[in-house]
N, C-alpha and C. Protein backbone atom coordinates (compact mmCIF):
# COMPACT_ATOMS: atom_id res chain seq x y z
N MET A 1 60.22 174.66 177.61
CA MET A 1 61.53 174.07 177.72
C MET A 1 62.27 174.59 178.96
N TRP A 2 62.10 175.88 179.26
CA TRP A 2 62.76 176.45 180.43
C TRP A 2 62.19 175.87 181.73
N VAL A 3 60.91 175.53 181.71
CA VAL A 3 60.29 174.95 182.89
C VAL A 3 60.87 173.55 183.16
N ILE A 4 61.05 172.78 182.11
CA ILE A 4 61.61 171.44 182.26
C ILE A 4 63.06 171.53 182.76
N ALA A 5 63.84 172.45 182.21
CA ALA A 5 65.23 172.62 182.65
C ALA A 5 65.28 173.06 184.11
N ALA A 6 64.41 173.98 184.50
CA ALA A 6 64.36 174.43 185.90
C ALA A 6 63.95 173.30 186.83
N ALA A 7 63.02 172.46 186.40
CA ALA A 7 62.58 171.33 187.23
C ALA A 7 63.70 170.32 187.40
N ILE A 8 64.45 170.05 186.36
CA ILE A 8 65.57 169.12 186.45
C ILE A 8 66.64 169.66 187.40
N ILE A 9 66.96 170.93 187.28
CA ILE A 9 67.95 171.54 188.17
C ILE A 9 67.45 171.52 189.61
N LEU A 10 66.18 171.78 189.83
CA LEU A 10 65.62 171.77 191.18
C LEU A 10 65.68 170.37 191.79
N VAL A 11 65.31 169.36 191.02
CA VAL A 11 65.37 167.98 191.52
C VAL A 11 66.81 167.61 191.85
N PHE A 12 67.74 167.95 191.01
CA PHE A 12 69.15 167.67 191.25
C PHE A 12 69.65 168.37 192.51
N ALA A 13 69.28 169.63 192.70
CA ALA A 13 69.72 170.38 193.88
C ALA A 13 69.12 169.81 195.16
N VAL A 14 67.85 169.45 195.13
CA VAL A 14 67.21 168.89 196.32
C VAL A 14 67.81 167.53 196.68
N ALA A 15 68.08 166.71 195.69
CA ALA A 15 68.67 165.39 195.95
C ALA A 15 70.07 165.55 196.56
N ASN A 16 70.86 166.44 196.05
CA ASN A 16 72.20 166.64 196.60
C ASN A 16 72.14 167.27 197.99
N TRP A 17 71.21 168.17 198.22
CA TRP A 17 71.05 168.74 199.55
C TRP A 17 70.70 167.64 200.54
N HIS A 18 69.85 166.72 200.16
CA HIS A 18 69.47 165.62 201.04
C HIS A 18 70.68 164.75 201.37
N PHE A 19 71.52 164.43 200.38
CA PHE A 19 72.72 163.64 200.64
C PHE A 19 73.66 164.36 201.62
N VAL A 20 73.84 165.65 201.43
CA VAL A 20 74.71 166.42 202.33
C VAL A 20 74.11 166.45 203.73
N TYR A 21 72.83 166.66 203.85
CA TYR A 21 72.15 166.71 205.15
C TYR A 21 72.31 165.38 205.89
N VAL A 22 72.09 164.27 205.21
CA VAL A 22 72.21 162.95 205.84
C VAL A 22 73.66 162.69 206.24
N ALA A 23 74.61 163.06 205.40
CA ALA A 23 76.02 162.82 205.71
C ALA A 23 76.47 163.63 206.92
N VAL A 24 75.97 164.83 207.08
CA VAL A 24 76.39 165.69 208.17
C VAL A 24 75.71 165.32 209.48
N THR A 25 74.44 164.91 209.44
CA THR A 25 73.69 164.68 210.67
C THR A 25 73.74 163.25 211.17
N SER A 26 74.14 162.29 210.36
CA SER A 26 74.12 160.90 210.81
C SER A 26 75.45 160.53 211.44
N GLN A 27 75.40 159.66 212.40
CA GLN A 27 76.59 159.11 213.04
C GLN A 27 76.41 157.61 213.09
N PRO A 28 77.11 156.88 212.23
CA PRO A 28 76.92 155.42 212.21
C PRO A 28 77.41 154.79 213.51
N ASP A 29 76.80 153.70 213.87
CA ASP A 29 77.23 152.95 215.04
C ASP A 29 78.57 152.30 214.76
N CYS A 30 79.25 151.94 215.82
CA CYS A 30 80.52 151.23 215.68
C CYS A 30 80.27 149.84 215.13
N VAL A 31 81.14 149.41 214.26
CA VAL A 31 81.05 148.07 213.71
C VAL A 31 82.28 147.29 214.14
N SER A 32 82.16 146.00 214.19
CA SER A 32 83.30 145.19 214.61
C SER A 32 84.38 145.25 213.52
N HIS A 33 85.61 145.37 213.96
CA HIS A 33 86.73 145.42 213.04
C HIS A 33 87.97 144.92 213.77
N LEU A 34 89.01 144.68 213.01
CA LEU A 34 90.26 144.22 213.61
C LEU A 34 90.88 145.35 214.41
N ARG A 35 91.42 145.02 215.56
CA ARG A 35 92.07 146.02 216.40
C ARG A 35 93.53 146.16 216.00
N LEU A 36 94.05 147.37 216.07
CA LEU A 36 95.43 147.65 215.73
C LEU A 36 96.36 146.97 216.74
N GLY A 37 97.37 146.27 216.25
CA GLY A 37 98.37 145.68 217.10
C GLY A 37 98.04 144.29 217.61
N ASN A 38 97.10 143.61 217.06
CA ASN A 38 96.76 142.26 217.50
C ASN A 38 97.41 141.20 216.62
N GLY A 39 98.50 141.53 215.95
CA GLY A 39 99.17 140.57 215.08
C GLY A 39 98.45 140.39 213.76
N ASN A 40 97.60 141.32 213.40
CA ASN A 40 96.83 141.19 212.17
C ASN A 40 97.68 141.39 210.92
N ALA A 41 98.73 142.22 211.03
CA ALA A 41 99.56 142.48 209.86
C ALA A 41 100.32 141.22 209.45
N ALA A 42 100.71 140.41 210.41
CA ALA A 42 101.43 139.18 210.09
C ALA A 42 100.54 138.20 209.35
N GLN A 43 99.24 138.28 209.56
CA GLN A 43 98.30 137.38 208.91
C GLN A 43 97.80 137.95 207.58
N GLY A 44 98.24 139.17 207.23
CA GLY A 44 97.81 139.79 205.99
C GLY A 44 96.49 140.50 206.10
N ASN A 45 96.02 140.75 207.31
CA ASN A 45 94.76 141.47 207.52
C ASN A 45 95.03 142.93 207.83
N PHE A 46 94.08 143.76 207.55
CA PHE A 46 94.20 145.18 207.81
C PHE A 46 93.24 145.59 208.91
N SER A 47 93.59 146.65 209.63
CA SER A 47 92.72 147.17 210.68
C SER A 47 92.47 148.65 210.44
N ALA A 48 91.58 149.23 211.21
CA ALA A 48 91.31 150.66 211.09
C ALA A 48 92.53 151.43 211.56
N ALA A 49 92.83 152.54 210.92
CA ALA A 49 94.00 153.34 211.30
C ALA A 49 93.81 153.90 212.69
N GLN A 50 92.64 154.45 212.96
CA GLN A 50 92.34 154.97 214.28
C GLN A 50 90.85 154.76 214.52
N SER A 51 90.52 153.96 215.49
CA SER A 51 89.13 153.64 215.74
C SER A 51 88.49 154.69 216.62
N SER A 52 87.27 155.08 216.33
CA SER A 52 86.54 156.01 217.18
C SER A 52 85.68 155.25 218.18
N CYS A 53 85.70 153.93 218.12
CA CYS A 53 84.93 153.10 219.03
C CYS A 53 85.78 152.71 220.22
N THR A 54 85.15 152.56 221.35
CA THR A 54 85.88 152.11 222.53
C THR A 54 86.01 150.59 222.49
N PRO A 55 87.15 150.05 222.87
CA PRO A 55 87.30 148.59 222.86
C PRO A 55 86.37 147.92 223.86
N LYS A 56 85.88 146.77 223.49
CA LYS A 56 84.96 146.03 224.36
C LYS A 56 85.66 144.82 224.92
């Protein structure tokens, strides 16, 4: 029983470590979104608060 409990805890720890590793090391590419100040609020659309992408 202790072996099964240890295996479950190990699988859980490894899976969470993998999620943390991927979240810290990955940098998603820029995606198209509404630009701030293009009259989007008047149309009821939302934009990113602060974009990390350079405008094209």
